[in-house]
Amino acid sequence: MPDLDRRSFLMNATLATTALAAGCSTTGPHGGLPPRRFSLDLTPGAIGVSGTPLQLIQLAHAHGFESVQPDAWALEKLDDAGLASVRDALRGSALRWGSAGLPVEFRKDEDTFQTELKRLPSAARALQKVGAQRVGTWLMPGSNDLETRPNLDQHARRLRAVATILQDHGLRFGLEYVGTPSLRTRFKYAFVHNLPQALELISAIQVRNTGLILDSWHWWTAGDTAQALAQLKNSDVVAVDLNDAPNGVPLDEQQDNRRELPTATGVIPVATFLQALLRMNYDGPVRAEPFNQPLNALENDEACARTVAALRQAVTLAETVRPA
């Protein structure tokens, strides 16, 4: 089952700059920051783009992205020859893989979880065969049924089983906390919604391949700090989402499914967030996830062009603004 339930749940309840060299860039005039190792990633579903694995590789290459999200569900349907074709196309385009979504629904009842968990080895094998190394998912920030401690125990048990299968296939596993206050207040019982709590859950899972998905939106809405990011290492972070927030909306009234491309408004201190990634030598994907309806309505090429321009502009800002 595609890891798109949050999008459905939430929907219902540019300046272009010179292309940066793939995978690496130099720091700006203020210096003091390591060269960039992370990739500018095309995560198609987050910007309303669709296509087959081969079509998405072509789009990513054509627009100057440096990595592309692997689609676990599409890859699982391919035979060995098809998987080899996708792997070769990625290499031929000088791209790398971003982070796949988790094809397991773990937030509902136990029968649903166990049924979908049985499919995970097949999807994990497909990801492994094309050379992907990262898988991630998000955490609902509350529950109307389980109090915090029992919910933490259930998540740790279920996600431990997921992480173990992924580790057996050479895949890292990232967890994204959701900090948006307007979403958290809909639940009777609070759950993981900030960086310290996410680290507590990861510690409880006790599988070494498990780490964080950091999102500038959730980092900001949760009230997390640059100092908190400074405590993290590259090995702690599996993937990163980069977003901005609408102007003129108080933080506690911001809606999770109404975001902006990075640097569009300057509400979220994207440069500070990216500078923390540079300092930790983060080497994974950085992708835009704006849940932005006007962007989603564009044709694939225009959506890709606007997104990669925004990502480049954010990186340029982080590298040229004096580090905080």
Protein backbone atom coordinates (compact mmCIF):
# COMPACT_ATOMS: atom_id res chain seq x y z
CA MET A 1 0.00 0.00 0.00
CA PRO A 2 1.57 3.31 -1.05
CA ASP A 3 2.80 5.53 1.76
CA LEU A 4 0.44 8.32 0.72
CA ASP A 5 -2.16 8.17 3.48
CA ARG A 6 -0.96 11.41 5.09
CA ARG A 7 -1.57 13.26 1.86
CA SER A 8 -5.11 11.89 1.65
CA PHE A 9 -5.65 12.52 5.36
CA LEU A 10 -4.49 16.10 5.15
CA MET A 11 -6.34 16.92 1.99
CA ASN A 12 -9.52 15.77 3.49
CA ALA A 13 -9.33 17.07 7.16
CA THR A 14 11.50 31.31 -8.59
CA LEU A 15 14.09 32.30 -9.18
CA ALA A 16 16.30 30.09 -11.37
CA THR A 17 20.03 30.03 -10.51
CA THR A 18 23.10 28.60 -12.17
CA ALA A 19 23.18 24.81 -11.91
CA LEU A 20 25.47 23.45 -9.22
CA ALA A 21 27.86 20.62 -9.89
CA ALA A 22 26.25 17.27 -9.04
CA GLY A 23 26.84 16.07 -5.51
CA CYS A 24 29.33 18.75 -4.51
CA SER A 25 29.75 22.50 -4.41
CA THR A 26 32.02 25.07 -2.86
CA THR A 27 31.10 27.21 0.08
CA GLY A 28 30.34 30.90 -0.22
CA PRO A 29 32.43 33.89 0.75
CA HIS A 30 31.82 33.46 4.46
CA GLY A 31 33.46 30.03 4.40
CA GLY A 32 33.60 27.77 7.40
CA LEU A 33 31.19 25.23 5.89
CA PRO A 34 32.19 21.89 4.36
CA PRO A 35 31.51 21.27 0.67
CA ARG A 36 28.04 20.01 -0.15
CA ARG A 37 27.59 16.25 -0.27
CA PHE A 38 23.81 15.96 -0.34
CA SER A 39 21.84 15.62 -3.58
CA LEU A 40 19.00 17.73 -4.96
CA ASP A 41 16.31 15.10 -5.20
CA LEU A 42 13.24 14.65 -7.38
CA THR A 43 10.47 13.19 -5.23
CA PRO A 44 7.69 13.22 -7.83
CA GLY A 45 4.56 12.64 -5.76
CA ALA A 46 5.40 15.56 -3.50
CA ILE A 47 5.19 18.04 -6.40
CA GLY A 48 2.41 16.46 -8.48
CA VAL A 49 4.70 14.71 -10.95
CA SER A 50 4.08 11.16 -12.15
CA GLY A 51 5.62 8.60 -14.49
CA THR A 52 7.25 5.21 -14.77
CA PRO A 53 10.65 4.67 -13.11
CA LEU A 54 12.38 5.21 -16.46
CA GLN A 55 10.37 8.36 -17.22
CA LEU A 56 11.17 9.82 -13.80
CA ILE A 57 14.88 9.15 -14.28
CA GLN A 58 14.69 10.99 -17.61
CA LEU A 59 12.85 13.93 -16.00
CA ALA A 60 15.35 14.15 -13.15
CA HIS A 61 18.28 14.13 -15.56
CA ALA A 62 16.70 16.65 -17.95
CA HIS A 63 16.07 19.20 -15.20
CA GLY A 64 19.37 18.89 -13.35
CA PHE A 65 18.28 16.97 -10.28
CA GLU A 66 21.03 14.84 -8.78
CA SER A 67 18.92 12.00 -7.41
CA VAL A 68 15.42 10.60 -7.83
CA GLN A 69 13.09 8.78 -5.48
CA PRO A 70 12.75 5.06 -6.24
CA ASP A 71 9.16 3.85 -6.44
CA ALA A 72 9.10 0.63 -4.42
CA TRP A 73 5.64 -0.36 -5.63
CA ALA A 74 6.46 0.12 -9.33
CA LEU A 75 9.82 -1.62 -9.01
CA GLU A 76 8.28 -4.60 -7.22
CA LYS A 77 6.24 -5.34 -10.36
CA LEU A 78 9.28 -5.54 -12.63
CA ASP A 79 11.17 -8.70 -13.50
CA ASP A 80 14.94 -8.94 -13.25
CA ALA A 81 15.44 -7.59 -16.77
CA GLY A 82 13.22 -4.61 -16.02
CA LEU A 83 15.04 -3.87 -12.78
CA ALA A 84 18.39 -4.08 -14.59
CA SER A 85 17.09 -1.60 -17.18
CA VAL A 86 16.13 0.88 -14.46
CA ARG A 87 19.45 0.45 -12.66
CA ASP A 88 21.40 1.00 -15.88
CA ALA A 89 19.33 4.06 -16.80
CA LEU A 90 20.06 5.64 -13.43
CA ARG A 91 23.79 5.03 -13.79
CA GLY A 92 23.79 6.26 -17.39
CA SER A 93 22.18 9.50 -16.27
CA ALA A 94 24.81 10.06 -13.53
CA LEU A 95 22.05 10.10 -10.92
CA ARG A 96 21.73 8.39 -7.56
CA TRP A 97 18.71 7.13 -5.71
CA GLY A 98 16.88 9.19 -3.13
CA SER A 99 14.71 7.61 -0.44
CA ALA A 100 11.75 5.35 -1.22
CA GLY A 101 8.47 5.49 0.64
CA LEU A 102 7.65 2.59 2.94
CA PRO A 103 5.15 0.16 1.32
CA VAL A 104 3.71 -0.94 4.68
CA GLU A 105 0.76 0.55 6.58
CA PHE A 106 1.78 0.31 10.23
CA ARG A 107 -0.60 2.92 11.70
CA LYS A 108 -3.81 0.89 11.63
CA ASP A 109 -4.91 -2.46 13.07
CA GLU A 110 -2.60 -5.40 13.65
CA ASP A 111 -4.05 -7.57 10.87
CA THR A 112 -3.43 -4.85 8.29
CA PHE A 113 0.11 -4.40 9.52
CA GLN A 114 0.94 -8.11 9.48
CA THR A 115 -0.56 -8.59 6.01
CA GLU A 116 1.42 -5.73 4.52
CA LEU A 117 4.61 -6.65 6.37
CA LYS A 118 4.62 -9.95 4.44
CA ARG A 119 4.98 -7.99 1.20
CA LEU A 120 7.93 -5.96 2.40
CA PRO A 121 10.70 -8.48 1.58
CA SER A 122 9.62 -8.49 -2.08
CA ALA A 123 9.68 -4.70 -2.32
CA ALA A 124 12.96 -4.55 -0.40
CA ARG A 125 14.55 -7.04 -2.83
CA ALA A 126 13.48 -4.89 -5.77
CA LEU A 127 14.97 -1.78 -4.18
CA GLN A 128 18.18 -3.66 -3.41
CA LYS A 129 18.48 -4.93 -6.99
CA VAL A 130 18.36 -1.42 -8.46
CA GLY A 131 20.90 -0.18 -5.91
CA ALA A 132 18.63 1.87 -3.66
CA GLN A 133 19.77 2.27 -0.06
CA ARG A 134 17.15 4.38 1.75
CA VAL A 135 13.50 3.97 2.74
CA GLY A 136 11.43 6.30 4.89
CA THR A 137 8.03 6.98 6.38
CA TRP A 138 6.22 9.49 8.61
CA LEU A 139 4.68 9.26 12.08
CA MET A 140 1.18 10.37 12.98
CA PRO A 141 1.64 12.89 15.84
CA GLY A 142 -1.18 11.57 17.99
CA SER A 143 -3.85 8.94 18.52
CA ASN A 144 -7.46 8.85 19.62
CA ASP A 145 -7.10 5.26 20.83
CA LEU A 146 -3.69 4.76 22.40
CA GLU A 147 -2.06 6.78 25.13
CA THR A 148 1.50 7.89 24.51
CA ARG A 149 3.39 5.02 26.19
CA PRO A 150 1.36 2.16 24.68
CA ASN A 151 1.55 3.90 21.31
CA LEU A 152 5.32 4.20 21.61
CA ASP A 153 5.59 0.51 22.47
CA GLN A 154 3.41 -0.48 19.52
CA HIS A 155 5.37 1.70 17.11
CA ALA A 156 8.68 0.37 18.40
CA ARG A 157 7.54 -3.24 17.98
CA ARG A 158 6.08 -2.80 14.51
CA LEU A 159 8.84 -0.57 13.18
CA ARG A 160 11.48 -2.90 14.61
CA ALA A 161 10.07 -5.64 12.41
CA VAL A 162 10.12 -3.28 9.41
CA ALA A 163 13.66 -2.06 10.12
CA THR A 164 14.96 -5.60 10.47
CA ILE A 165 13.66 -6.64 7.04
CA LEU A 166 15.06 -3.49 5.45
CA GLN A 167 18.43 -4.00 7.15
CA ASP A 168 18.56 -7.54 5.79
CA HIS A 169 18.37 -6.01 2.30
CA GLY A 170 20.99 -3.31 2.85
CA LEU A 171 18.47 -0.51 3.29
CA ARG A 172 18.50 2.32 5.81
CA PHE A 173 15.18 3.30 7.41
CA GLY A 174 14.16 6.89 8.15
CA LEU A 175 11.36 8.17 10.40
CA GLU A 176 9.84 11.64 10.02
CA TYR A 177 8.19 13.31 12.98
CA VAL A 178 5.26 15.64 12.27
CA GLY A 179 5.33 18.86 14.27
CA THR A 180 2.40 20.86 12.87
CA PRO A 181 0.38 22.13 15.89
CA SER A 182 -2.91 22.37 13.99
CA LEU A 183 -2.65 18.67 13.19
CA ARG A 184 -1.47 17.54 16.62
CA THR A 185 -4.42 19.14 18.39
CA ARG A 186 -6.89 16.92 16.52
CA PHE A 187 -5.90 13.92 18.62
CA LYS A 188 -6.87 12.91 22.13
CA TYR A 189 -3.42 11.56 23.00
CA ALA A 190 -0.16 13.16 21.91
CA PHE A 191 2.58 11.19 20.19
CA VAL A 192 6.02 11.80 18.69
CA HIS A 193 6.09 15.33 17.26
CA ASN A 194 9.59 16.74 17.80
CA LEU A 195 13.23 15.79 17.41
CA PRO A 196 13.93 14.52 20.95
CA GLN A 197 10.84 12.32 20.87
CA ALA A 198 11.76 10.92 17.45
CA LEU A 199 15.21 10.03 18.77
CA GLU A 200 13.57 8.31 21.75
CA LEU A 201 11.50 6.14 19.41
CA ILE A 202 14.53 5.30 17.28
CA SER A 203 16.38 4.26 20.42
CA ALA A 204 13.45 2.01 21.40
CA ILE A 205 13.43 0.34 17.96
CA GLN A 206 17.02 -0.82 18.52
CA VAL A 207 17.92 -1.58 14.91
CA ARG A 208 21.07 0.15 13.69
CA ASN A 209 19.83 1.10 10.23
CA THR A 210 17.08 3.34 11.68
CA GLY A 211 17.45 7.12 11.63
CA LEU A 212 15.65 10.38 10.96
CA ILE A 213 13.89 12.04 8.10
CA LEU A 214 14.31 15.75 8.81
CA ASP A 215 11.81 18.23 7.39
CA SER A 216 12.40 21.97 7.69
CA TRP A 217 8.63 22.45 8.07
CA HIS A 218 8.33 20.07 11.02
CA TRP A 219 11.60 21.27 12.55
CA TRP A 220 10.18 24.79 12.51
CA THR A 221 6.60 24.00 13.57
CA ALA A 222 7.84 21.76 16.42
CA GLY A 223 10.01 24.57 17.80
CA ASP A 224 13.21 22.58 17.34
CA THR A 225 16.44 24.58 17.11
CA ALA A 226 19.65 24.83 15.14
CA GLN A 227 21.44 23.71 18.29
CA ALA A 228 19.40 20.49 18.25
CA LEU A 229 20.42 19.84 14.65
CA ALA A 230 24.05 20.44 15.59
CA GLN A 231 23.95 17.36 17.81
CA LEU A 232 23.20 15.08 14.84
CA LYS A 233 25.66 13.21 12.63
CA ASN A 234 25.38 12.23 8.99
CA SER A 235 24.70 8.66 10.11
CA ASP A 236 21.63 9.85 12.04
CA VAL A 237 19.83 11.26 8.98
CA VAL A 238 18.36 9.15 6.17
CA ALA A 239 16.55 11.83 4.13
CA VAL A 240 15.61 15.52 4.26
CA ASP A 241 12.55 17.50 3.14
CA LEU A 242 12.95 21.22 2.47
CA ASN A 243 9.94 23.53 2.57
CA ASP A 244 8.88 27.06 3.35
CA ALA A 245 5.65 28.32 4.95
CA PRO A 246 2.99 30.81 3.81
CA ASN A 247 3.32 34.44 4.88
CA GLY A 248 0.92 36.01 7.33
CA VAL A 249 -0.22 32.83 9.10
CA PRO A 250 0.58 32.37 12.82
CA LEU A 251 2.62 29.24 13.48
CA ASP A 252 -0.15 27.48 15.39
CA GLU A 253 -2.56 28.09 12.49
CA GLN A 254 -0.26 26.79 9.73
CA GLN A 255 -1.81 23.87 7.83
CA ASP A 256 0.37 20.89 7.02
CA ASN A 257 -0.92 20.59 3.44
CA ARG A 258 -0.40 24.27 2.58
CA ARG A 259 3.30 24.85 2.25
CA GLU A 260 5.63 26.67 -0.13
CA LEU A 261 8.75 25.76 -2.05
CA PRO A 262 12.00 26.49 -0.18
CA THR A 263 12.90 30.22 0.08
CA ALA A 264 9.55 31.25 -1.46
CA THR A 265 8.64 33.39 1.57
CA GLY A 266 11.55 33.27 4.01
CA VAL A 267 9.23 32.37 6.89
CA ILE A 268 11.24 29.23 7.68
CA PRO A 269 15.00 29.86 8.15
CA VAL A 270 15.95 27.45 5.40
CA ALA A 271 19.56 28.66 5.22
CA THR A 272 20.12 27.89 8.91
CA PHE A 273 18.58 24.44 8.43
CA LEU A 274 20.77 23.65 5.40
CA GLN A 275 23.90 24.96 7.09
CA ALA A 276 23.36 22.36 9.81
CA LEU A 277 23.25 19.68 7.09
CA LEU A 278 26.48 21.01 5.59
CA ARG A 279 28.20 20.96 8.97
CA MET A 280 27.24 17.33 9.60
CA ASN A 281 28.45 16.37 6.08
CA TYR A 282 25.01 15.00 5.28
CA ASP A 283 25.20 12.94 2.07
CA GLY A 284 21.60 11.92 1.37
CA PRO A 285 18.72 13.38 -0.65
CA VAL A 286 17.24 16.84 -0.07
CA ARG A 287 13.80 17.12 -1.64
CA ALA A 288 10.94 19.61 -1.75
CA GLU A 289 7.62 18.47 -0.29
CA PRO A 290 5.43 21.58 -0.42
CA PHE A 291 1.97 19.97 -0.77
CA ASN A 292 1.29 23.01 -2.94
CA GLN A 293 -1.83 22.81 -5.10
CA PRO A 294 -0.77 25.36 -7.76
CA LEU A 295 2.52 23.49 -8.17
CA ASN A 296 0.75 20.13 -8.32
CA ALA A 297 -1.48 21.44 -11.12
CA LEU A 298 1.49 22.14 -13.44
CA GLU A 299 2.71 19.82 -16.17
CA ASN A 300 5.62 17.59 -15.18
CA ASP A 301 8.35 19.65 -16.83
CA GLU A 302 7.25 22.98 -15.36
CA ALA A 303 6.82 21.50 -11.88
CA CYS A 304 10.29 19.99 -12.07
CA ALA A 305 11.84 23.21 -13.34
CA ARG A 306 10.35 25.32 -10.55
CA THR A 307 11.25 22.79 -7.88
CA VAL A 308 14.89 22.34 -8.83
CA ALA A 309 15.30 26.12 -9.15
CA ALA A 310 13.96 26.55 -5.61
CA LEU A 311 16.29 23.87 -4.25
CA ARG A 312 19.29 25.46 -5.97
CA GLN A 313 18.37 28.88 -4.64
CA ALA A 314 18.11 27.49 -1.10
CA VAL A 315 21.55 25.90 -1.35
CA THR A 316 23.06 29.09 -2.75
CA LEU A 317 21.55 31.06 0.12
CA ALA A 318 22.92 28.62 2.71
CA GLU A 319 26.38 28.75 1.19
CA THR A 320 26.57 32.54 0.87
CA VAL A 321 24.77 33.85 3.96
CA ARG A 322 26.97 34.13 6.99
CA PRO A 323 26.56 30.96 9.06
CA ALA A 324 24.49 31.41 12.21
